[in-house]
Amino acid sequence: MHNTMLKNGLLLGLFALICTLLVAAVNGLTQDTIAEQQRLQLMKVLHQIIPDALHDNELAQTCIQLQAADLGTAAPLPAYVALKNQRPVALAMEVIAPDGYNGAIKLIVGVRNDGTVLGVQTLSHQETPGLGDKIDGRKSDWVNRFSGKFFNPEDDKSWFVKKDGGEIDQFTGATITPRAYSKALRTALHYFMAHQAEIYQQPLNCEAQQ
């Protein structure tokens, strides 16, 4: 009996070791592929929210790290500088809406130096399917309403949802998600307009995107 148990234990241990090695091997083989897919997805999103005609640099290679509570988190977040003739003309910055209905929402907004929003995309969320998930560009065109919208730091009332006296449509039966989303955008745009010169002086740092 003792020999049988020992034998079975050794077999299980060997099996576990083989499985671990296989998982490690697969992970090693696919790591570069996953990284490349993430890079391509990032480039796609950046080109969607900042038109190619506006800049002459590769956005994904001109990134900085911003750390400010106005971006919704204490952790540094990446931002991408659009350059024209080596001068910054716009910024794409990642933002966190920490108070979504089911948790934090990560988004990215492209904005010109004058406060004109070029585009917005939702990067990740956990909002309720059929209700709050209308922030997902694959489910709805709701985020497109921000494109071309001008942000005036002195008069941001239009950036609130209609239920709060603004111009942003809320979803039927779901106000929390669009309220959190528009608040995150509003706060981030205030930060951008108030600290634009400081932001553009940040050193390039793309390591966090590798």
C-alpha atoms as a PDB file:
ATOM      1  CA  MET A   1       0.000   0.000   0.000  1.00  0.00           C
ATOM      2  CA  HIS A   2       2.763   2.420   0.935  1.00  0.00           C
ATOM      3  CA  ASN A   3       4.635   1.738  -2.327  1.00  0.00           C
ATOM      4  CA  THR A   4       1.455   2.266  -4.350  1.00  0.00           C
ATOM      5  CA  MET A   5       0.759   5.607  -2.688  1.00  0.00           C
ATOM      6  CA  LEU A   6       4.349   6.693  -3.219  1.00  0.00           C
ATOM      7  CA  LYS A   7       4.209   5.693  -6.867  1.00  0.00           C
ATOM      8  CA  ASN A   8       0.937   7.568  -7.429  1.00  0.00           C
ATOM      9  CA  GLY A   9       2.343  10.625  -5.677  1.00  0.00           C
ATOM     10  CA  LEU A  10       5.418  10.610  -7.880  1.00  0.00           C
ATOM     11  CA  LEU A  11       3.275  10.261 -11.005  1.00  0.00           C
ATOM     12  CA  LEU A  12       1.079  13.179  -9.967  1.00  0.00           C
ATOM     13  CA  GLY A  13       4.147  15.274  -9.200  1.00  0.00           C
ATOM     14  CA  LEU A  14       5.661  14.445 -12.574  1.00  0.00           C
ATOM     15  CA  PHE A  15       2.409  15.248 -14.330  1.00  0.00           C
ATOM     16  CA  ALA A  16       2.176  18.609 -12.559  1.00  0.00           C
ATOM     17  CA  LEU A  17       5.778  19.406 -13.492  1.00  0.00           C
ATOM     18  CA  ILE A  18       5.180  18.565 -17.154  1.00  0.00           C
ATOM     19  CA  CYS A  19       2.029  20.740 -17.228  1.00  0.00           C
ATOM     20  CA  THR A  20       3.899  23.644 -15.652  1.00  0.00           C
ATOM     21  CA  LEU A  21       6.699  23.358 -18.197  1.00  0.00           C
ATOM     22  CA  LEU A  22       4.205  23.221 -21.066  1.00  0.00           C
ATOM     23  CA  VAL A  23       2.371  26.326 -19.829  1.00  0.00           C
ATOM     24  CA  ALA A  24       5.677  28.167 -19.424  1.00  0.00           C
ATOM     25  CA  ALA A  25       6.760  27.136 -22.924  1.00  0.00           C
ATOM     26  CA  VAL A  26       3.477  28.243 -24.510  1.00  0.00           C
ATOM     27  CA  ASN A  27       3.640  31.547 -22.640  1.00  0.00           C
ATOM     28  CA  GLY A  28       7.191  32.131 -23.834  1.00  0.00           C
ATOM     29  CA  LEU A  29       6.291  31.309 -27.429  1.00  0.00           C
ATOM     30  CA  THR A  30       3.220  33.562 -27.499  1.00  0.00           C
ATOM     31  CA  GLN A  31       4.566  36.495 -25.478  1.00  0.00           C
ATOM     32  CA  ASP A  32       6.000  38.310 -28.496  1.00  0.00           C
ATOM     33  CA  THR A  33       2.821  37.701 -30.498  1.00  0.00           C
ATOM     34  CA  ILE A  34       0.630  39.091 -27.723  1.00  0.00           C
ATOM     35  CA  ALA A  35       2.866  42.144 -27.350  1.00  0.00           C
ATOM     36  CA  GLU A  36       2.706  42.779 -31.105  1.00  0.00           C
ATOM     37  CA  GLN A  37      -1.092  42.478 -31.101  1.00  0.00           C
ATOM     38  CA  GLN A  38      -1.305  44.952 -28.221  1.00  0.00           C
ATOM     39  CA  ARG A  39       0.959  47.363 -30.089  1.00  0.00           C
ATOM     40  CA  LEU A  40      -1.146  47.138 -33.239  1.00  0.00           C
ATOM     41  CA  GLN A  41      -4.351  47.659 -31.258  1.00  0.00           C
ATOM     42  CA  LEU A  42      -2.852  50.706 -29.561  1.00  0.00           C
ATOM     43  CA  MET A  43      -1.829  52.187 -32.921  1.00  0.00           C
ATOM     44  CA  LYS A  44      -5.324  51.581 -34.284  1.00  0.00           C
ATOM     45  CA  VAL A  45      -6.965  53.371 -31.356  1.00  0.00           C
ATOM     46  CA  LEU A  46      -4.541  56.305 -31.511  1.00  0.00           C
ATOM     47  CA  HIS A  47      -5.102  56.798 -35.225  1.00  0.00           C
ATOM     48  CA  GLN A  48      -8.859  56.737 -34.593  1.00  0.00           C
ATOM     49  CA  ILE A  49      -8.827  59.515 -32.001  1.00  0.00           C
ATOM     50  CA  ILE A  50      -6.136  61.751 -33.520  1.00  0.00           C
ATOM     51  CA  PRO A  51      -6.396  62.156 -37.330  1.00  0.00           C
ATOM     52  CA  ASP A  52      -3.222  61.384 -39.289  1.00  0.00           C
ATOM     53  CA  ALA A  53      -3.420  64.737 -41.094  1.00  0.00           C
ATOM     54  CA  LEU A  54      -2.943  66.540 -37.807  1.00  0.00           C
ATOM     55  CA  HIS A  55       0.511  65.162 -36.971  1.00  0.00           C
ATOM     56  CA  ASP A  56       3.692  63.868 -38.615  1.00  0.00           C
ATOM     57  CA  ASN A  57       5.058  61.614 -35.850  1.00  0.00           C
ATOM     58  CA  GLU A  58       4.331  58.052 -34.737  1.00  0.00           C
ATOM     59  CA  LEU A  59       2.055  58.530 -31.751  1.00  0.00           C
ATOM     60  CA  ALA A  60       2.830  55.190 -30.113  1.00  0.00           C
ATOM     61  CA  GLN A  61       6.511  56.120 -29.982  1.00  0.00           C
ATOM     62  CA  THR A  62       5.961  59.586 -28.516  1.00  0.00           C
ATOM     63  CA  CYS A  63       4.539  58.728 -25.121  1.00  0.00           C
ATOM     64  CA  ILE A  64       4.865  60.253 -21.696  1.00  0.00           C
ATOM     65  CA  GLN A  65       3.640  59.288 -18.229  1.00  0.00           C
ATOM     66  CA  LEU A  66       1.160  61.523 -16.431  1.00  0.00           C
ATOM     67  CA  GLN A  67       0.446  61.228 -12.726  1.00  0.00           C
ATOM     68  CA  ALA A  68      -2.431  63.328 -11.430  1.00  0.00           C
ATOM     69  CA  ALA A  69      -5.527  62.651  -9.346  1.00  0.00           C
ATOM     70  CA  ASP A  70      -7.519  64.466 -12.052  1.00  0.00           C
ATOM     71  CA  LEU A  71      -6.965  61.453 -14.305  1.00  0.00           C
ATOM     72  CA  GLY A  72      -8.861  59.209 -11.899  1.00  0.00           C
ATOM     73  CA  THR A  73      -6.038  57.215 -10.304  1.00  0.00           C
ATOM     74  CA  ALA A  74      -2.920  57.683  -8.226  1.00  0.00           C
ATOM     75  CA  ALA A  75      -0.929  55.529 -10.668  1.00  0.00           C
ATOM     76  CA  PRO A  76       0.868  56.995 -13.700  1.00  0.00           C
ATOM     77  CA  LEU A  77      -1.076  56.788 -16.947  1.00  0.00           C
ATOM     78  CA  PRO A  78       0.309  56.944 -20.492  1.00  0.00           C
ATOM     79  CA  ALA A  79      -0.328  59.855 -22.815  1.00  0.00           C
ATOM     80  CA  TYR A  80       0.734  60.257 -26.450  1.00  0.00           C
ATOM     81  CA  VAL A  81       1.925  63.544 -27.917  1.00  0.00           C
ATOM     82  CA  ALA A  82       0.919  64.492 -31.470  1.00  0.00           C
ATOM     83  CA  LEU A  83       3.627  66.567 -33.132  1.00  0.00           C
ATOM     84  CA  LYS A  84       3.555  68.692 -36.274  1.00  0.00           C
ATOM     85  CA  ASN A  85       6.943  70.012 -37.382  1.00  0.00           C
ATOM     86  CA  GLN A  86       8.248  68.957 -33.954  1.00  0.00           C
ATOM     87  CA  ARG A  87       5.697  71.092 -32.112  1.00  0.00           C
ATOM     88  CA  PRO A  88       2.956  69.544 -29.926  1.00  0.00           C
ATOM     89  CA  VAL A  89      -0.499  70.080 -31.378  1.00  0.00           C
ATOM     90  CA  ALA A  90      -2.621  67.545 -29.511  1.00  0.00           C
ATOM     91  CA  LEU A  91      -2.551  64.865 -26.840  1.00  0.00           C
ATOM     92  CA  ALA A  92      -4.125  61.450 -26.428  1.00  0.00           C
ATOM     93  CA  MET A  93      -4.330  60.623 -22.739  1.00  0.00           C
ATOM     94  CA  GLU A  94      -5.624  57.625 -20.876  1.00  0.00           C
ATOM     95  CA  VAL A  95      -8.149  58.395 -18.149  1.00  0.00           C
ATOM     96  CA  ILE A  96      -9.876  56.358 -15.441  1.00  0.00           C
ATOM     97  CA  ALA A  97     -13.512  56.835 -14.447  1.00  0.00           C
ATOM     98  CA  PRO A  98     -13.322  55.205 -10.987  1.00  0.00           C
ATOM     99  CA  ASP A  99     -17.047  55.420 -10.226  1.00  0.00           C
ATOM    100  CA  GLY A 100     -18.623  53.354 -12.981  1.00  0.00           C
ATOM    101  CA  TYR A 101     -21.643  51.246 -12.041  1.00  0.00           C
ATOM    102  CA  ASN A 102     -19.639  48.003 -11.896  1.00  0.00           C
ATOM    103  CA  GLY A 103     -16.162  49.398 -11.319  1.00  0.00           C
ATOM    104  CA  ALA A 104     -13.516  51.498 -12.987  1.00  0.00           C
ATOM    105  CA  ILE A 105     -13.782  52.425 -16.665  1.00  0.00           C
ATOM    106  CA  LYS A 106     -10.623  53.072 -18.667  1.00  0.00           C
ATOM    107  CA  LEU A 107     -10.870  55.392 -21.637  1.00  0.00           C
ATOM    108  CA  ILE A 108      -8.630  57.456 -23.870  1.00  0.00           C
ATOM    109  CA  VAL A 109      -9.342  60.939 -25.192  1.00  0.00           C
ATOM    110  CA  GLY A 110      -7.643  62.877 -27.965  1.00  0.00           C
ATOM    111  CA  VAL A 111      -7.722  66.653 -27.545  1.00  0.00           C
ATOM    112  CA  ARG A 112      -6.244  69.602 -29.438  1.00  0.00           C
ATOM    113  CA  ASN A 113      -4.401  72.364 -27.633  1.00  0.00           C
ATOM    114  CA  ASP A 114      -7.401  74.681 -27.949  1.00  0.00           C
ATOM    115  CA  GLY A 115      -9.652  72.230 -26.075  1.00  0.00           C
ATOM    116  CA  THR A 116     -11.367  70.624 -29.071  1.00  0.00           C
ATOM    117  CA  VAL A 117     -11.930  66.918 -28.473  1.00  0.00           C
ATOM    118  CA  LEU A 118     -10.795  64.887 -31.464  1.00  0.00           C
ATOM    119  CA  GLY A 119     -12.086  61.518 -30.342  1.00  0.00           C
ATOM    120  CA  VAL A 120     -12.806  59.222 -27.420  1.00  0.00           C
ATOM    121  CA  GLN A 121     -12.538  55.452 -27.102  1.00  0.00           C
ATOM    122  CA  THR A 122     -13.364  53.108 -24.226  1.00  0.00           C
ATOM    123  CA  LEU A 123     -10.423  50.797 -23.509  1.00  0.00           C
ATOM    124  CA  SER A 124     -11.942  48.576 -20.804  1.00  0.00           C
ATOM    125  CA  HIS A 125     -15.034  48.409 -18.597  1.00  0.00           C
ATOM    126  CA  GLN A 126     -17.279  46.050 -16.639  1.00  0.00           C
ATOM    127  CA  GLU A 127     -20.584  47.813 -17.143  1.00  0.00           C
ATOM    128  CA  THR A 128     -23.888  45.941 -17.395  1.00  0.00           C
ATOM    129  CA  PRO A 129     -24.575  44.406 -20.839  1.00  0.00           C
ATOM    130  CA  GLY A 130     -27.507  46.084 -22.548  1.00  0.00           C
ATOM    131  CA  LEU A 131     -27.356  49.132 -20.281  1.00  0.00           C
ATOM    132  CA  GLY A 132     -24.021  50.651 -19.295  1.00  0.00           C
ATOM    133  CA  ASP A 133     -22.062  48.913 -22.048  1.00  0.00           C
ATOM    134  CA  LYS A 134     -23.238  51.538 -24.550  1.00  0.00           C
ATOM    135  CA  ILE A 135     -19.910  53.241 -23.765  1.00  0.00           C
ATOM    136  CA  ASP A 136     -18.311  50.460 -25.809  1.00  0.00           C
ATOM    137  CA  GLY A 137     -17.820  51.612 -29.392  1.00  0.00           C
ATOM    138  CA  ARG A 138     -18.634  48.097 -30.609  1.00  0.00           C
ATOM    139  CA  LYS A 139     -22.093  48.296 -29.005  1.00  0.00           C
ATOM    140  CA  SER A 140     -23.066  51.926 -29.596  1.00  0.00           C
ATOM    141  CA  ASP A 141     -21.877  55.186 -31.141  1.00  0.00           C
ATOM    142  CA  TRP A 142     -22.516  57.058 -27.870  1.00  0.00           C
ATOM    143  CA  VAL A 143     -18.840  57.997 -27.373  1.00  0.00           C
ATOM    144  CA  ASN A 144     -18.800  59.668 -30.804  1.00  0.00           C
ATOM    145  CA  ARG A 145     -20.882  62.560 -29.431  1.00  0.00           C
ATOM    146  CA  PHE A 146     -17.721  63.924 -27.807  1.00  0.00           C
ATOM    147  CA  SER A 147     -15.815  64.194 -31.082  1.00  0.00           C
ATOM    148  CA  GLY A 148     -15.581  67.821 -32.190  1.00  0.00           C
ATOM    149  CA  LYS A 149     -16.960  69.081 -28.889  1.00  0.00           C
ATOM    150  CA  PHE A 150     -15.135  72.120 -27.517  1.00  0.00           C
ATOM    151  CA  PHE A 151     -14.168  72.240 -23.857  1.00  0.00           C
ATOM    152  CA  ASN A 152     -14.216  75.634 -22.174  1.00  0.00           C
ATOM    153  CA  PRO A 153     -12.747  75.462 -18.648  1.00  0.00           C
ATOM    154  CA  GLU A 154     -14.707  78.586 -17.720  1.00  0.00           C
ATOM    155  CA  ASP A 155     -18.043  77.075 -18.745  1.00  0.00           C
ATOM    156  CA  ASP A 156     -18.173  73.276 -18.569  1.00  0.00           C
ATOM    157  CA  LYS A 157     -21.896  72.895 -17.802  1.00  0.00           C
ATOM    158  CA  SER A 158     -22.604  71.264 -21.148  1.00  0.00           C
ATOM    159  CA  TRP A 159     -20.274  68.401 -20.157  1.00  0.00           C
ATOM    160  CA  PHE A 160     -22.726  67.124 -17.547  1.00  0.00           C
ATOM    161  CA  VAL A 161     -25.460  64.584 -18.333  1.00  0.00           C
ATOM    162  CA  LYS A 162     -28.896  66.032 -19.086  1.00  0.00           C
ATOM    163  CA  LYS A 163     -30.251  64.815 -15.759  1.00  0.00           C
ATOM    164  CA  ASP A 164     -27.709  67.103 -14.080  1.00  0.00           C
ATOM    165  CA  GLY A 165     -28.479  70.079 -16.330  1.00  0.00           C
ATOM    166  CA  GLY A 166     -25.937  69.380 -19.094  1.00  0.00           C
ATOM    167  CA  GLU A 167     -26.090  68.238 -22.721  1.00  0.00           C
ATOM    168  CA  ILE A 168     -24.796  64.657 -22.494  1.00  0.00           C
ATOM    169  CA  ASP A 169     -27.420  61.985 -23.125  1.00  0.00           C
ATOM    170  CA  GLN A 170     -27.791  59.376 -20.417  1.00  0.00           C
ATOM    171  CA  PHE A 171     -28.866  55.812 -21.147  1.00  0.00           C
ATOM    172  CA  THR A 172     -32.427  54.650 -20.567  1.00  0.00           C
ATOM    173  CA  GLY A 173     -32.404  53.075 -17.108  1.00  0.00           C
ATOM    174  CA  ALA A 174     -28.696  53.769 -16.592  1.00  0.00           C
ATOM    175  CA  THR A 175     -27.480  57.203 -15.568  1.00  0.00           C
ATOM    176  CA  ILE A 176     -24.532  56.216 -13.378  1.00  0.00           C
ATOM    177  CA  THR A 177     -22.316  55.054 -16.255  1.00  0.00           C
ATOM    178  CA  PRO A 178     -22.628  58.117 -18.543  1.00  0.00           C
ATOM    179  CA  ARG A 179     -22.393  60.396 -15.500  1.00  0.00           C
ATOM    180  CA  ALA A 180     -19.115  58.753 -14.421  1.00  0.00           C
ATOM    181  CA  TYR A 181     -17.806  58.794 -18.002  1.00  0.00           C
ATOM    182  CA  SER A 182     -18.571  62.457 -18.668  1.00  0.00           C
ATOM    183  CA  LYS A 183     -17.221  63.434 -15.236  1.00  0.00           C
ATOM    184  CA  ALA A 184     -13.924  61.658 -15.963  1.00  0.00           C
ATOM    185  CA  LEU A 185     -13.631  63.437 -19.308  1.00  0.00           C
ATOM    186  CA  ARG A 186     -14.543  66.790 -17.814  1.00  0.00           C
ATOM    187  CA  THR A 187     -12.003  66.494 -14.996  1.00  0.00           C
ATOM    188  CA  ALA A 188      -9.232  65.261 -17.310  1.00  0.00           C
ATOM    189  CA  LEU A 189      -9.851  68.102 -19.780  1.00  0.00           C
ATOM    190  CA  HIS A 190      -9.679  70.637 -16.961  1.00  0.00           C
ATOM    191  CA  TYR A 191      -6.311  69.140 -16.040  1.00  0.00           C
ATOM    192  CA  PHE A 192      -5.055  69.266 -19.634  1.00  0.00           C
ATOM    193  CA  MET A 193      -6.063  72.873 -20.188  1.00  0.00           C
ATOM    194  CA  ALA A 194      -4.576  74.018 -16.865  1.00  0.00           C
ATOM    195  CA  HIS A 195      -1.270  72.126 -17.157  1.00  0.00           C
ATOM    196  CA  GLN A 196      -0.670  71.979 -20.910  1.00  0.00           C
ATOM    197  CA  ALA A 197       2.820  73.504 -20.879  1.00  0.00           C
ATOM    198  CA  GLU A 198       3.895  71.284 -17.984  1.00  0.00           C
ATOM    199  CA  ILE A 199       2.511  68.192 -19.696  1.00  0.00           C
ATOM    200  CA  TYR A 200       4.427  68.811 -22.913  1.00  0.00           C
ATOM    201  CA  GLN A 201       7.654  69.230 -20.967  1.00  0.00           C
ATOM    202  CA  GLN A 202       7.455  65.679 -19.617  1.00  0.00           C
ATOM    203  CA  PRO A 203      10.285  63.394 -20.845  1.00  0.00           C
ATOM    204  CA  LEU A 204       9.396  60.635 -23.266  1.00  0.00           C
ATOM    205  CA  ASN A 205       8.803  57.319 -21.514  1.00  0.00           C
ATOM    206  CA  CYS A 206       7.263  54.425 -23.400  1.00  0.00           C
ATOM    207  CA  GLU A 207       8.549  51.646 -21.139  1.00  0.00           C
ATOM    208  CA  ALA A 208       5.146  51.143 -19.498  1.00  0.00           C
ATOM    209  CA  GLN A 209       3.668  50.301 -22.905  1.00  0.00           C
ATOM    210  CA  GLN A 210       6.171  47.559 -23.727  1.00  0.00           C
END
